Amino acid sequence: MSHRLKLALAVAAALVSSPGPAQDHGAAAAGPAATVQPDDDDYAQDAASVTDVHLLRRQGQASVRIFGTAGGDPAMNGLNCYLSFYVSPQDGWRVFRIGDFLTYHILSESRGRVLLEVRESDMNDRGEIGEHVRRLLVSWTPGPGDEAPASIGVATVR
């Protein structure tokens, strides 16, 4: 797994565990503010592209997430969707790319499967961009002890 994808997963993990923005209750600084410069590390750019994180809660003891990263031309999709399984502290995450969409929504989840509704761009023969919606069934067979699977299936459903 690339360092960039590992960093994106770390950001995704932080987003899932984050309680969200706190309210400012008129707090005052206890001293001078530290000056922080922009981080010019290219990997920070990839981490900043994480847009959506969804923790799947019906997967036994496995830590499973669906997350999206922005990239490419948003007029023709641009939201890369991934399914990730935590393997171990040494190995990190096993990540599967589901596809490139405009949006995705989790419709349902059960052990070893997730039903997604995706909205995606398409281009007709005249070069005009349109949209369509379809449903995808993402499925896998968990390994012993809820181990991450070696592969997943992605099928369009009616």
C-alpha atoms as a PDB file:
ATOM      1  CA  MET A   1       0.000   0.000   0.000  1.00  0.00           C
ATOM      2  CA  SER A   2       1.357   3.422  -0.895  1.00  0.00           C
ATOM      3  CA  HIS A   3       2.372   5.897   1.770  1.00  0.00           C
ATOM      4  CA  ARG A   4      -0.240   8.305   0.403  1.00  0.00           C
ATOM      5  CA  LEU A   5      -3.054   5.791   0.814  1.00  0.00           C
ATOM      6  CA  LYS A   6      -1.830   4.963   4.334  1.00  0.00           C
ATOM      7  CA  LEU A   7      -1.977   8.644   5.232  1.00  0.00           C
ATOM      8  CA  ALA A   8      -5.459   8.983   3.738  1.00  0.00           C
ATOM      9  CA  LEU A   9      -6.575   6.028   5.863  1.00  0.00           C
ATOM     10  CA  ALA A  10      -5.082   7.627   8.974  1.00  0.00           C
ATOM     11  CA  VAL A  11      -7.094  10.779   8.273  1.00  0.00           C
ATOM     12  CA  ALA A  12     -10.181   8.655   7.654  1.00  0.00           C
ATOM     13  CA  ALA A  13      -9.665   6.942  11.019  1.00  0.00           C
ATOM     14  CA  ALA A  14      -9.338  10.305  12.747  1.00  0.00           C
ATOM     15  CA  LEU A  15     -12.501  11.604  11.089  1.00  0.00           C
ATOM     16  CA  VAL A  16     -14.504   8.592  12.255  1.00  0.00           C
ATOM     17  CA  SER A  17     -13.375   9.004  15.855  1.00  0.00           C
ATOM     18  CA  SER A  18     -13.654  12.786  15.890  1.00  0.00           C
ATOM     19  CA  PRO A  19     -16.660  14.154  17.805  1.00  0.00           C
ATOM     20  CA  GLY A  20     -17.044  17.007  15.335  1.00  0.00           C
ATOM     21  CA  PRO A  21     -16.484  20.720  15.711  1.00  0.00           C
ATOM     22  CA  ALA A  22     -16.734  22.107  19.220  1.00  0.00           C
ATOM     23  CA  GLN A  23     -18.524  25.317  20.018  1.00  0.00           C
ATOM     24  CA  ASP A  24     -16.411  28.346  20.838  1.00  0.00           C
ATOM     25  CA  HIS A  25     -17.495  29.451  24.295  1.00  0.00           C
ATOM     26  CA  GLY A  26     -15.538  32.691  24.268  1.00  0.00           C
ATOM     27  CA  ALA A  27     -12.232  31.058  25.174  1.00  0.00           C
ATOM     28  CA  ALA A  28      -9.262  33.401  25.411  1.00  0.00           C
ATOM     29  CA  ALA A  29      -5.673  32.466  24.597  1.00  0.00           C
ATOM     30  CA  ALA A  30      -3.460  31.950  27.642  1.00  0.00           C
ATOM     31  CA  GLY A  31      -0.442  33.369  25.828  1.00  0.00           C
ATOM     32  CA  PRO A  32       0.851  34.280  22.399  1.00  0.00           C
ATOM     33  CA  ALA A  33      -0.263  32.094  19.503  1.00  0.00           C
ATOM     34  CA  ALA A  34       2.259  29.848  17.803  1.00  0.00           C
ATOM     35  CA  THR A  35       2.855  30.635  14.146  1.00  0.00           C
ATOM     36  CA  VAL A  36       2.289  27.546  11.998  1.00  0.00           C
ATOM     37  CA  GLN A  37       3.386  27.403   8.367  1.00  0.00           C
ATOM     38  CA  PRO A  38       1.624  25.322   5.692  1.00  0.00           C
ATOM     39  CA  ASP A  39       2.721  21.688   5.516  1.00  0.00           C
ATOM     40  CA  ASP A  40       4.381  21.267   2.109  1.00  0.00           C
ATOM     41  CA  ASP A  41       4.512  17.467   2.337  1.00  0.00           C
ATOM     42  CA  ASP A  42       2.792  16.011  -0.744  1.00  0.00           C
ATOM     43  CA  TYR A  43       1.235  13.297   1.427  1.00  0.00           C
ATOM     44  CA  ALA A  44      -0.681  15.933   3.383  1.00  0.00           C
ATOM     45  CA  GLN A  45      -2.403  16.874   0.114  1.00  0.00           C
ATOM     46  CA  ASP A  46      -3.644  13.293  -0.260  1.00  0.00           C
ATOM     47  CA  ALA A  47      -4.846  13.181   3.327  1.00  0.00           C
ATOM     48  CA  ALA A  48      -6.730  16.431   2.787  1.00  0.00           C
ATOM     49  CA  SER A  49      -8.603  14.788  -0.095  1.00  0.00           C
ATOM     50  CA  VAL A  50     -10.518  12.452   2.283  1.00  0.00           C
ATOM     51  CA  THR A  51     -14.135  13.608   2.111  1.00  0.00           C
ATOM     52  CA  ASP A  52     -16.348  10.864   3.556  1.00  0.00           C
ATOM     53  CA  VAL A  53     -15.759   8.169   6.174  1.00  0.00           C
ATOM     54  CA  HIS A  54     -18.319   5.573   7.239  1.00  0.00           C
ATOM     55  CA  LEU A  55     -17.579   2.993   9.905  1.00  0.00           C
ATOM     56  CA  LEU A  56     -19.437  -0.248   9.171  1.00  0.00           C
ATOM     57  CA  ARG A  57     -20.861  -1.540  12.444  1.00  0.00           C
ATOM     58  CA  ARG A  58     -22.274  -4.961  11.518  1.00  0.00           C
ATOM     59  CA  GLN A  59     -19.005  -6.716  10.688  1.00  0.00           C
ATOM     60  CA  GLY A  60     -18.310  -8.675  13.864  1.00  0.00           C
ATOM     61  CA  GLN A  61     -14.939  -7.865  15.411  1.00  0.00           C
ATOM     62  CA  ALA A  62     -13.499  -6.510  12.153  1.00  0.00           C
ATOM     63  CA  SER A  63     -12.781  -2.812  11.753  1.00  0.00           C
ATOM     64  CA  VAL A  64     -14.254  -1.977   8.340  1.00  0.00           C
ATOM     65  CA  ARG A  65     -14.709   1.446   6.738  1.00  0.00           C
ATOM     66  CA  ILE A  66     -15.928   2.907   3.495  1.00  0.00           C
ATOM     67  CA  PHE A  67     -14.276   6.190   2.637  1.00  0.00           C
ATOM     68  CA  GLY A  68     -14.096   8.599  -0.273  1.00  0.00           C
ATOM     69  CA  THR A  69     -11.304  10.773  -1.588  1.00  0.00           C
ATOM     70  CA  ALA A  70     -11.740  13.704  -3.948  1.00  0.00           C
ATOM     71  CA  GLY A  71      -9.708  13.795  -7.116  1.00  0.00           C
ATOM     72  CA  GLY A  72      -9.943  14.299 -10.812  1.00  0.00           C
ATOM     73  CA  ASP A  73     -12.586  16.266 -12.640  1.00  0.00           C
ATOM     74  CA  PRO A  74     -15.750  16.651 -10.514  1.00  0.00           C
ATOM     75  CA  ALA A  75     -17.770  17.163 -13.710  1.00  0.00           C
ATOM     76  CA  MET A  76     -17.056  13.514 -14.539  1.00  0.00           C
ATOM     77  CA  ASN A  77     -17.296  11.787 -11.176  1.00  0.00           C
ATOM     78  CA  GLY A  78     -14.239  12.595  -9.017  1.00  0.00           C
ATOM     79  CA  LEU A  79     -15.095  10.836  -5.728  1.00  0.00           C
ATOM     80  CA  ASN A  80     -12.998   7.691  -5.397  1.00  0.00           C
ATOM     81  CA  CYS A  81     -14.729   5.208  -3.102  1.00  0.00           C
ATOM     82  CA  TYR A  82     -12.813   2.571  -1.087  1.00  0.00           C
ATOM     83  CA  LEU A  83     -13.623  -0.281   1.285  1.00  0.00           C
ATOM     84  CA  SER A  84     -10.931  -0.847   3.924  1.00  0.00           C
ATOM     85  CA  PHE A  85     -10.290  -3.548   6.520  1.00  0.00           C
ATOM     86  CA  TYR A  86      -7.901  -3.127   9.429  1.00  0.00           C
ATOM     87  CA  VAL A  87      -5.352  -5.961   9.387  1.00  0.00           C
ATOM     88  CA  SER A  88      -2.829  -5.245  12.162  1.00  0.00           C
ATOM     89  CA  PRO A  89      -0.557  -2.535  13.549  1.00  0.00           C
ATOM     90  CA  GLN A  90       2.300  -3.904  11.408  1.00  0.00           C
ATOM     91  CA  ASP A  91       0.312  -4.269   8.195  1.00  0.00           C
ATOM     92  CA  GLY A  92      -2.167  -1.424   8.531  1.00  0.00           C
ATOM     93  CA  TRP A  93      -5.229  -1.606   6.279  1.00  0.00           C
ATOM     94  CA  ARG A  94      -6.234  -3.768   3.333  1.00  0.00           C
ATOM     95  CA  VAL A  95      -7.881  -1.382   0.885  1.00  0.00           C
ATOM     96  CA  PHE A  96     -10.135  -2.129  -2.092  1.00  0.00           C
ATOM     97  CA  ARG A  97     -11.163   0.513  -4.635  1.00  0.00           C
ATOM     98  CA  ILE A  98     -14.898   0.254  -5.361  1.00  0.00           C
ATOM     99  CA  GLY A  99     -15.102   2.954  -8.030  1.00  0.00           C
ATOM    100  CA  ASP A 100     -15.147   6.607  -9.057  1.00  0.00           C
ATOM    101  CA  PHE A 101     -18.509   8.337  -8.565  1.00  0.00           C
ATOM    102  CA  LEU A 102     -20.158  11.726  -8.067  1.00  0.00           C
ATOM    103  CA  THR A 103     -21.663  10.525  -4.766  1.00  0.00           C
ATOM    104  CA  TYR A 104     -22.314   7.329  -2.879  1.00  0.00           C
ATOM    105  CA  HIS A 105     -24.753   6.499  -0.085  1.00  0.00           C
ATOM    106  CA  ILE A 106     -24.915   3.402   2.087  1.00  0.00           C
ATOM    107  CA  LEU A 107     -28.443   1.993   1.786  1.00  0.00           C
ATOM    108  CA  SER A 108     -27.956  -1.052   4.005  1.00  0.00           C
ATOM    109  CA  GLU A 109     -25.294  -3.124   5.672  1.00  0.00           C
ATOM    110  CA  SER A 110     -25.176  -6.700   6.920  1.00  0.00           C
ATOM    111  CA  ARG A 111     -22.333  -9.027   7.749  1.00  0.00           C
ATOM    112  CA  GLY A 112     -20.076  -9.348   4.712  1.00  0.00           C
ATOM    113  CA  ARG A 113     -22.041  -6.989   2.491  1.00  0.00           C
ATOM    114  CA  VAL A 114     -22.978  -3.372   1.883  1.00  0.00           C
ATOM    115  CA  LEU A 115     -25.568  -2.027  -0.540  1.00  0.00           C
ATOM    116  CA  LEU A 116     -24.572   1.327  -2.036  1.00  0.00           C
ATOM    117  CA  GLU A 117     -26.467   3.762  -4.203  1.00  0.00           C
ATOM    118  CA  VAL A 118     -24.057   5.625  -6.471  1.00  0.00           C
ATOM    119  CA  ARG A 119     -24.635   8.609  -8.696  1.00  0.00           C
ATOM    120  CA  GLU A 120     -22.174   8.817 -11.545  1.00  0.00           C
ATOM    121  CA  SER A 121     -21.449  10.788 -14.674  1.00  0.00           C
ATOM    122  CA  ASP A 122     -21.654   9.413 -18.166  1.00  0.00           C
ATOM    123  CA  MET A 123     -21.032  10.898 -21.598  1.00  0.00           C
ATOM    124  CA  ASN A 124     -23.237  10.239 -24.609  1.00  0.00           C
ATOM    125  CA  ASP A 125     -22.120   9.927 -28.238  1.00  0.00           C
ATOM    126  CA  ARG A 126     -22.514  13.706 -28.733  1.00  0.00           C
ATOM    127  CA  GLY A 127     -20.063  14.428 -25.883  1.00  0.00           C
ATOM    128  CA  GLU A 128     -22.766  15.612 -23.487  1.00  0.00           C
ATOM    129  CA  ILE A 129     -22.328  14.768 -19.834  1.00  0.00           C
ATOM    130  CA  GLY A 130     -25.296  13.279 -18.009  1.00  0.00           C
ATOM    131  CA  GLU A 131     -25.883  11.385 -14.793  1.00  0.00           C
ATOM    132  CA  HIS A 132     -27.381   8.105 -13.760  1.00  0.00           C
ATOM    133  CA  VAL A 133     -27.985   6.290 -10.489  1.00  0.00           C
ATOM    134  CA  ARG A 134     -27.339   2.626  -9.838  1.00  0.00           C
ATOM    135  CA  ARG A 135     -27.043   0.298  -6.885  1.00  0.00           C
ATOM    136  CA  LEU A 136     -23.962  -1.741  -6.104  1.00  0.00           C
ATOM    137  CA  LEU A 137     -23.765  -4.756  -3.857  1.00  0.00           C
ATOM    138  CA  VAL A 138     -20.308  -4.960  -2.315  1.00  0.00           C
ATOM    139  CA  SER A 139     -19.732  -8.367  -0.727  1.00  0.00           C
ATOM    140  CA  TRP A 140     -16.939 -10.384   0.858  1.00  0.00           C
ATOM    141  CA  THR A 141     -16.341 -13.459   2.946  1.00  0.00           C
ATOM    142  CA  PRO A 142     -14.639 -12.627   6.242  1.00  0.00           C
ATOM    143  CA  GLY A 143     -11.695 -14.861   7.092  1.00  0.00           C
ATOM    144  CA  PRO A 144     -11.290 -16.821  10.342  1.00  0.00           C
ATOM    145  CA  GLY A 145     -11.561 -14.529  13.356  1.00  0.00           C
ATOM    146  CA  ASP A 146     -13.048 -11.801  11.138  1.00  0.00           C
ATOM    147  CA  GLU A 147      -9.799 -11.458   9.173  1.00  0.00           C
ATOM    148  CA  ALA A 148      -9.770  -9.086   6.209  1.00  0.00           C
ATOM    149  CA  PRO A 149     -10.796 -10.834   2.989  1.00  0.00           C
ATOM    150  CA  ALA A 150      -8.362 -11.481   0.131  1.00  0.00           C
ATOM    151  CA  SER A 151     -10.868 -10.013  -2.365  1.00  0.00           C
ATOM    152  CA  ILE A 152     -14.303  -8.433  -2.572  1.00  0.00           C
ATOM    153  CA  GLY A 153     -17.114  -8.599  -5.103  1.00  0.00           C
ATOM    154  CA  VAL A 154     -18.820  -5.561  -6.621  1.00  0.00           C
ATOM    155  CA  ALA A 155     -22.010  -6.191  -8.597  1.00  0.00           C
ATOM    156  CA  THR A 156     -24.657  -3.905 -10.034  1.00  0.00           C
ATOM    157  CA  VAL A 157     -28.113  -4.802  -8.703  1.00  0.00           C
ATOM    158  CA  ARG A 158     -31.595  -3.847  -9.872  1.00  0.00           C
END
